[in-house]
Amino acid sequence: MTDRRLAIDAWESLFRAQHEVFGDINDDFHDDTLSQAEYDVLLTVTRGSDMTARLRDVTANMLISQPSVSRLVDRMVVRGLLTKCADPDDGRGALVHATDAGASLFRRIASAHGKAIAERMSLLSDDELTQLRDLTAKLRKKQPGC
């Protein structure tokens, strides 16, 4: 059985580290160009085949509710960053596609954001980064019975 106090200390350290690192790299985003949430949408969409993703897949990757994602996507459509259409394979679903303008803006912000992340994470060695990635992946997996 895991030591309860150690588990709580580790969780608090992980939470605080995430919060502080996020604060350091959040300066890459500005509401007049691209917000963090819009970046997250474009990250999912641009990784999809033909820069397209199902709206439900975008929602699954976000840390906000489905109605909030839908409103965000609709605002991004109005801004010309995305297009949205019915999913031909799912009558209730929708597909979102990054426009050339959306993909271009994403690439520009992603380059600066990636550099900021790499600089902040350079405090760790490659072995430590690998261990951190593997440990956080393990924590994200649902445990049996949950």
C-alpha atoms as a PDB file:
ATOM      1  CA  MET A   1       0.000   0.000   0.000  1.00  0.00           C
ATOM      2  CA  THR A   2       1.239   3.478  -0.881  1.00  0.00           C
ATOM      3  CA  ASP A   3       2.271   5.789   1.951  1.00  0.00           C
ATOM      4  CA  ARG A   4      -0.639   8.258   2.189  1.00  0.00           C
ATOM      5  CA  ARG A   5       1.427  11.282   3.270  1.00  0.00           C
ATOM      6  CA  LEU A   6       3.994  10.649   0.537  1.00  0.00           C
ATOM      7  CA  ALA A   7       1.202  10.331  -2.025  1.00  0.00           C
ATOM      8  CA  ILE A   8      -0.292  13.664  -0.921  1.00  0.00           C
ATOM      9  CA  ASP A   9       3.136  15.371  -0.935  1.00  0.00           C
ATOM     10  CA  ALA A  10       3.883  14.045  -4.432  1.00  0.00           C
ATOM     11  CA  TRP A  11       0.463  15.168  -5.695  1.00  0.00           C
ATOM     12  CA  GLU A  12       0.884  18.664  -4.244  1.00  0.00           C
ATOM     13  CA  SER A  13       4.360  18.963  -5.765  1.00  0.00           C
ATOM     14  CA  LEU A  14       3.090  17.794  -9.175  1.00  0.00           C
ATOM     15  CA  PHE A  15       0.139  20.180  -9.034  1.00  0.00           C
ATOM     16  CA  ARG A  16       2.272  23.164  -8.001  1.00  0.00           C
ATOM     17  CA  ALA A  17       4.944  22.404 -10.605  1.00  0.00           C
ATOM     18  CA  GLN A  18       2.303  22.180 -13.333  1.00  0.00           C
ATOM     19  CA  HIS A  19       0.734  25.435 -12.211  1.00  0.00           C
ATOM     20  CA  GLU A  20       4.060  27.291 -12.072  1.00  0.00           C
ATOM     21  CA  VAL A  21       5.323  25.945 -15.408  1.00  0.00           C
ATOM     22  CA  PHE A  22       1.998  26.745 -17.048  1.00  0.00           C
ATOM     23  CA  GLY A  23       2.198  30.276 -15.681  1.00  0.00           C
ATOM     24  CA  ASP A  24       5.695  30.681 -17.118  1.00  0.00           C
ATOM     25  CA  ILE A  25       4.747  29.543 -20.615  1.00  0.00           C
ATOM     26  CA  ASN A  26       1.252  31.064 -20.731  1.00  0.00           C
ATOM     27  CA  ASP A  27       2.732  34.348 -21.975  1.00  0.00           C
ATOM     28  CA  ASP A  28       2.836  32.747 -25.446  1.00  0.00           C
ATOM     29  CA  PHE A  29      -0.920  33.276 -25.743  1.00  0.00           C
ATOM     30  CA  HIS A  30      -2.836  36.497 -26.201  1.00  0.00           C
ATOM     31  CA  ASP A  31      -6.577  36.769 -26.698  1.00  0.00           C
ATOM     32  CA  ASP A  32      -6.060  39.168 -29.610  1.00  0.00           C
ATOM     33  CA  THR A  33      -4.144  36.472 -31.547  1.00  0.00           C
ATOM     34  CA  LEU A  34      -4.801  33.008 -30.121  1.00  0.00           C
ATOM     35  CA  SER A  35      -5.923  31.974 -26.647  1.00  0.00           C
ATOM     36  CA  GLN A  36      -4.666  28.843 -24.889  1.00  0.00           C
ATOM     37  CA  ALA A  37      -8.019  27.137 -25.480  1.00  0.00           C
ATOM     38  CA  GLU A  38      -7.995  28.032 -29.196  1.00  0.00           C
ATOM     39  CA  TYR A  39      -4.432  26.728 -29.431  1.00  0.00           C
ATOM     40  CA  ASP A  40      -5.567  23.425 -27.885  1.00  0.00           C
ATOM     41  CA  VAL A  41      -8.369  23.117 -30.450  1.00  0.00           C
ATOM     42  CA  LEU A  42      -6.003  23.816 -33.343  1.00  0.00           C
ATOM     43  CA  LEU A  43      -3.449  21.380 -31.894  1.00  0.00           C
ATOM     44  CA  THR A  44      -5.971  18.553 -32.105  1.00  0.00           C
ATOM     45  CA  VAL A  45      -7.362  19.596 -35.483  1.00  0.00           C
ATOM     46  CA  THR A  46      -4.016  20.126 -37.216  1.00  0.00           C
ATOM     47  CA  ARG A  47      -2.810  16.709 -36.046  1.00  0.00           C
ATOM     48  CA  GLY A  48      -5.770  15.071 -37.771  1.00  0.00           C
ATOM     49  CA  SER A  49      -5.812  13.711 -41.284  1.00  0.00           C
ATOM     50  CA  ASP A  50      -6.156  16.629 -43.716  1.00  0.00           C
ATOM     51  CA  MET A  51      -6.145  18.982 -40.662  1.00  0.00           C
ATOM     52  CA  THR A  52      -9.619  17.735 -39.761  1.00  0.00           C
ATOM     53  CA  ALA A  53     -10.984  16.201 -36.552  1.00  0.00           C
ATOM     54  CA  ARG A  54     -14.329  15.132 -35.187  1.00  0.00           C
ATOM     55  CA  LEU A  55     -15.751  17.658 -32.773  1.00  0.00           C
ATOM     56  CA  ARG A  56     -16.121  14.904 -30.155  1.00  0.00           C
ATOM     57  CA  ASP A  57     -12.356  14.181 -30.433  1.00  0.00           C
ATOM     58  CA  VAL A  58     -11.597  17.866 -29.929  1.00  0.00           C
ATOM     59  CA  THR A  59     -13.862  17.858 -26.877  1.00  0.00           C
ATOM     60  CA  ALA A  60     -12.174  14.727 -25.480  1.00  0.00           C
ATOM     61  CA  ASN A  61      -8.795  16.490 -25.567  1.00  0.00           C
ATOM     62  CA  MET A  62     -10.002  19.651 -23.849  1.00  0.00           C
ATOM     63  CA  LEU A  63     -10.320  20.335 -20.139  1.00  0.00           C
ATOM     64  CA  ILE A  64     -13.600  22.224 -20.551  1.00  0.00           C
ATOM     65  CA  SER A  65     -17.179  21.038 -20.989  1.00  0.00           C
ATOM     66  CA  GLN A  66     -18.684  19.979 -24.314  1.00  0.00           C
ATOM     67  CA  PRO A  67     -20.964  23.040 -24.572  1.00  0.00           C
ATOM     68  CA  SER A  68     -17.972  25.307 -23.908  1.00  0.00           C
ATOM     69  CA  VAL A  69     -15.949  23.567 -26.633  1.00  0.00           C
ATOM     70  CA  SER A  70     -18.845  23.927 -29.072  1.00  0.00           C
ATOM     71  CA  ARG A  71     -19.110  27.660 -28.370  1.00  0.00           C
ATOM     72  CA  LEU A  72     -15.334  28.060 -28.674  1.00  0.00           C
ATOM     73  CA  VAL A  73     -15.299  26.233 -32.021  1.00  0.00           C
ATOM     74  CA  ASP A  74     -18.189  28.394 -33.261  1.00  0.00           C
ATOM     75  CA  ARG A  75     -16.229  31.549 -32.325  1.00  0.00           C
ATOM     76  CA  MET A  76     -13.181  30.173 -34.141  1.00  0.00           C
ATOM     77  CA  VAL A  77     -15.322  29.553 -37.239  1.00  0.00           C
ATOM     78  CA  VAL A  78     -16.470  33.182 -37.138  1.00  0.00           C
ATOM     79  CA  ARG A  79     -12.816  34.291 -36.837  1.00  0.00           C
ATOM     80  CA  GLY A  80     -11.921  32.234 -39.908  1.00  0.00           C
ATOM     81  CA  LEU A  81      -9.634  29.814 -38.057  1.00  0.00           C
ATOM     82  CA  LEU A  82     -11.836  26.744 -38.603  1.00  0.00           C
ATOM     83  CA  THR A  83     -14.637  25.469 -40.767  1.00  0.00           C
ATOM     84  CA  LYS A  84     -17.328  23.184 -39.372  1.00  0.00           C
ATOM     85  CA  CYS A  85     -19.613  20.778 -41.193  1.00  0.00           C
ATOM     86  CA  ALA A  86     -21.753  17.727 -40.508  1.00  0.00           C
ATOM     87  CA  ASP A  87     -19.863  14.445 -40.127  1.00  0.00           C
ATOM     88  CA  PRO A  88     -20.993  12.227 -43.035  1.00  0.00           C
ATOM     89  CA  ASP A  89     -20.257   9.125 -40.923  1.00  0.00           C
ATOM     90  CA  ASP A  90     -22.157  10.349 -37.849  1.00  0.00           C
ATOM     91  CA  GLY A  91     -25.376  12.285 -38.386  1.00  0.00           C
ATOM     92  CA  ARG A  92     -25.213  13.796 -34.906  1.00  0.00           C
ATOM     93  CA  GLY A  93     -21.540  14.728 -35.090  1.00  0.00           C
ATOM     94  CA  ALA A  94     -19.529  17.465 -36.724  1.00  0.00           C
ATOM     95  CA  LEU A  95     -16.134  17.765 -38.363  1.00  0.00           C
ATOM     96  CA  VAL A  96     -13.900  20.756 -37.836  1.00  0.00           C
ATOM     97  CA  HIS A  97     -11.158  21.692 -40.268  1.00  0.00           C
ATOM     98  CA  ALA A  98      -8.313  24.173 -39.818  1.00  0.00           C
ATOM     99  CA  THR A  99      -8.383  26.897 -42.448  1.00  0.00           C
ATOM    100  CA  ASP A 100      -5.131  28.047 -44.017  1.00  0.00           C
ATOM    101  CA  ALA A 101      -5.259  31.103 -41.742  1.00  0.00           C
ATOM    102  CA  GLY A 102      -5.893  28.952 -38.662  1.00  0.00           C
ATOM    103  CA  ALA A 103      -3.103  26.498 -39.505  1.00  0.00           C
ATOM    104  CA  SER A 104      -0.681  29.334 -40.243  1.00  0.00           C
ATOM    105  CA  LEU A 105      -1.441  31.130 -36.974  1.00  0.00           C
ATOM    106  CA  PHE A 106      -1.167  27.838 -35.084  1.00  0.00           C
ATOM    107  CA  ARG A 107       2.259  27.066 -36.597  1.00  0.00           C
ATOM    108  CA  ARG A 108       3.544  30.540 -35.724  1.00  0.00           C
ATOM    109  CA  ILE A 109       2.364  30.315 -32.087  1.00  0.00           C
ATOM    110  CA  ALA A 110       3.393  26.638 -31.776  1.00  0.00           C
ATOM    111  CA  SER A 111       6.961  27.458 -32.757  1.00  0.00           C
ATOM    112  CA  ALA A 112       7.324  30.074 -30.008  1.00  0.00           C
ATOM    113  CA  HIS A 113       5.378  27.951 -27.520  1.00  0.00           C
ATOM    114  CA  GLY A 114       7.523  24.879 -28.222  1.00  0.00           C
ATOM    115  CA  LYS A 115      10.658  26.937 -27.656  1.00  0.00           C
ATOM    116  CA  ALA A 116       9.311  28.252 -24.324  1.00  0.00           C
ATOM    117  CA  ILE A 117       8.413  24.725 -23.212  1.00  0.00           C
ATOM    118  CA  ALA A 118      11.843  23.364 -24.185  1.00  0.00           C
ATOM    119  CA  GLU A 119      13.603  26.188 -22.344  1.00  0.00           C
ATOM    120  CA  ARG A 120      11.525  25.701 -19.180  1.00  0.00           C
ATOM    121  CA  MET A 121      11.909  21.924 -19.259  1.00  0.00           C
ATOM    122  CA  SER A 122      15.676  22.145 -19.885  1.00  0.00           C
ATOM    123  CA  LEU A 123      16.087  22.056 -16.105  1.00  0.00           C
ATOM    124  CA  LEU A 124      15.643  18.294 -16.500  1.00  0.00           C
ATOM    125  CA  SER A 125      17.947  15.869 -18.294  1.00  0.00           C
ATOM    126  CA  ASP A 126      16.671  13.778 -21.195  1.00  0.00           C
ATOM    127  CA  ASP A 127      16.501  10.759 -18.855  1.00  0.00           C
ATOM    128  CA  GLU A 128      14.462  12.773 -16.331  1.00  0.00           C
ATOM    129  CA  LEU A 129      12.139  14.039 -19.068  1.00  0.00           C
ATOM    130  CA  THR A 130      11.579  10.463 -20.236  1.00  0.00           C
ATOM    131  CA  GLN A 131      10.861   9.370 -16.675  1.00  0.00           C
ATOM    132  CA  LEU A 132       8.479  12.308 -16.138  1.00  0.00           C
ATOM    133  CA  ARG A 133       6.634  11.532 -19.370  1.00  0.00           C
ATOM    134  CA  ASP A 134       6.318   7.857 -18.453  1.00  0.00           C
ATOM    135  CA  LEU A 135       5.194   8.553 -14.882  1.00  0.00           C
ATOM    136  CA  THR A 136       2.548  11.094 -15.898  1.00  0.00           C
ATOM    137  CA  ALA A 137       1.293   8.715 -18.610  1.00  0.00           C
ATOM    138  CA  LYS A 138       0.955   6.029 -15.955  1.00  0.00           C
ATOM    139  CA  LEU A 139      -1.015   8.422 -13.720  1.00  0.00           C
ATOM    140  CA  ARG A 140      -3.390   9.281 -16.578  1.00  0.00           C
ATOM    141  CA  LYS A 141      -4.424   5.654 -17.150  1.00  0.00           C
ATOM    142  CA  LYS A 142      -7.590   4.650 -15.393  1.00  0.00           C
ATOM    143  CA  GLN A 143      -7.049   2.085 -12.712  1.00  0.00           C
ATOM    144  CA  PRO A 144      -9.153  -1.105 -12.671  1.00  0.00           C
ATOM    145  CA  GLY A 145     -12.359  -0.652 -10.724  1.00  0.00           C
ATOM    146  CA  CYS A 146     -12.448   3.126 -11.163  1.00  0.00           C
END
